[in-house]
Amino acid sequence: MIIDDESDVIIELQSVSEQNGFKTESYNDPVLAYKYFRKGLYDLVI
């Protein structure tokens, strides 16, 4: 899961992560990210 208020940062982190075989979810709103967070699903939250 990637959470950042800057779209450019999200795009870059998502691109690098997916190129390395990770599935990602990204949010620019931390409240929305918290709402959709699922315990035990993520290996890393940035």
C-alpha atoms as a PDB file:
ATOM      1  CA  MET A   1       0.000   0.000   0.000  1.00  0.00           C
ATOM      2  CA  ILE A   2       1.341   3.403  -0.994  1.00  0.00           C
ATOM      3  CA  ILE A   3       0.036   6.559   0.673  1.00  0.00           C
ATOM      4  CA  ASP A   4       1.308   9.992  -0.319  1.00  0.00           C
ATOM      5  CA  ASP A   5      -0.202  13.381  -1.024  1.00  0.00           C
ATOM      6  CA  GLU A   6       1.931  13.874  -4.148  1.00  0.00           C
ATOM      7  CA  SER A   7       0.770  12.037  -7.262  1.00  0.00           C
ATOM      8  CA  ASP A   8       4.276  11.962  -8.764  1.00  0.00           C
ATOM      9  CA  VAL A   9       5.619  10.084  -5.751  1.00  0.00           C
ATOM     10  CA  ILE A  10       2.774   7.574  -5.907  1.00  0.00           C
ATOM     11  CA  ILE A  11       3.311   6.964  -9.624  1.00  0.00           C
ATOM     12  CA  GLU A  12       7.051   6.420  -9.200  1.00  0.00           C
ATOM     13  CA  LEU A  13       6.747   4.110  -6.192  1.00  0.00           C
ATOM     14  CA  GLN A  14       3.939   2.157  -7.840  1.00  0.00           C
ATOM     15  CA  SER A  15       5.931   1.748 -11.048  1.00  0.00           C
ATOM     16  CA  VAL A  16       9.061   0.500  -9.281  1.00  0.00           C
ATOM     17  CA  SER A  17       7.074  -1.816  -7.014  1.00  0.00           C
ATOM     18  CA  GLU A  18       5.096  -3.383  -9.853  1.00  0.00           C
ATOM     19  CA  GLN A  19       8.241  -3.838 -11.966  1.00  0.00           C
ATOM     20  CA  ASN A  20       9.566  -5.925  -9.077  1.00  0.00           C
ATOM     21  CA  GLY A  21       6.512  -8.140  -8.905  1.00  0.00           C
ATOM     22  CA  PHE A  22       4.467  -6.428  -6.205  1.00  0.00           C
ATOM     23  CA  LYS A  23       0.769  -5.678  -6.518  1.00  0.00           C
ATOM     24  CA  THR A  24       0.024  -2.213  -5.180  1.00  0.00           C
ATOM     25  CA  GLU A  25      -2.834  -0.105  -3.969  1.00  0.00           C
ATOM     26  CA  SER A  26      -2.246   3.626  -3.770  1.00  0.00           C
ATOM     27  CA  TYR A  27      -4.027   6.491  -2.064  1.00  0.00           C
ATOM     28  CA  ASN A  28      -3.424  10.210  -1.781  1.00  0.00           C
ATOM     29  CA  ASP A  29      -5.868  10.513   1.129  1.00  0.00           C
ATOM     30  CA  PRO A  30      -4.742   8.868   4.384  1.00  0.00           C
ATOM     31  CA  VAL A  31      -8.296   8.652   5.727  1.00  0.00           C
ATOM     32  CA  LEU A  32      -9.407   6.762   2.629  1.00  0.00           C
ATOM     33  CA  ALA A  33      -6.342   4.505   2.842  1.00  0.00           C
ATOM     34  CA  TYR A  34      -7.190   3.702   6.456  1.00  0.00           C
ATOM     35  CA  LYS A  35     -10.769   2.943   5.464  1.00  0.00           C
ATOM     36  CA  TYR A  36      -9.666   0.363   2.881  1.00  0.00           C
ATOM     37  CA  PHE A  37      -6.713  -1.054   4.850  1.00  0.00           C
ATOM     38  CA  ARG A  38      -7.037  -4.812   5.337  1.00  0.00           C
ATOM     39  CA  LYS A  39      -5.059  -6.332   8.173  1.00  0.00           C
ATOM     40  CA  GLY A  40      -2.649  -9.066   7.087  1.00  0.00           C
ATOM     41  CA  LEU A  41      -2.864  -8.281   3.359  1.00  0.00           C
ATOM     42  CA  TYR A  42       0.157  -5.999   2.932  1.00  0.00           C
ATOM     43  CA  ASP A  43       3.837  -6.790   3.108  1.00  0.00           C
ATOM     44  CA  LEU A  44       4.735  -3.098   3.178  1.00  0.00           C
ATOM     45  CA  VAL A  45       2.961   0.215   3.707  1.00  0.00           C
ATOM     46  CA  ILE A  46       4.754   3.327   2.453  1.00  0.00           C
END
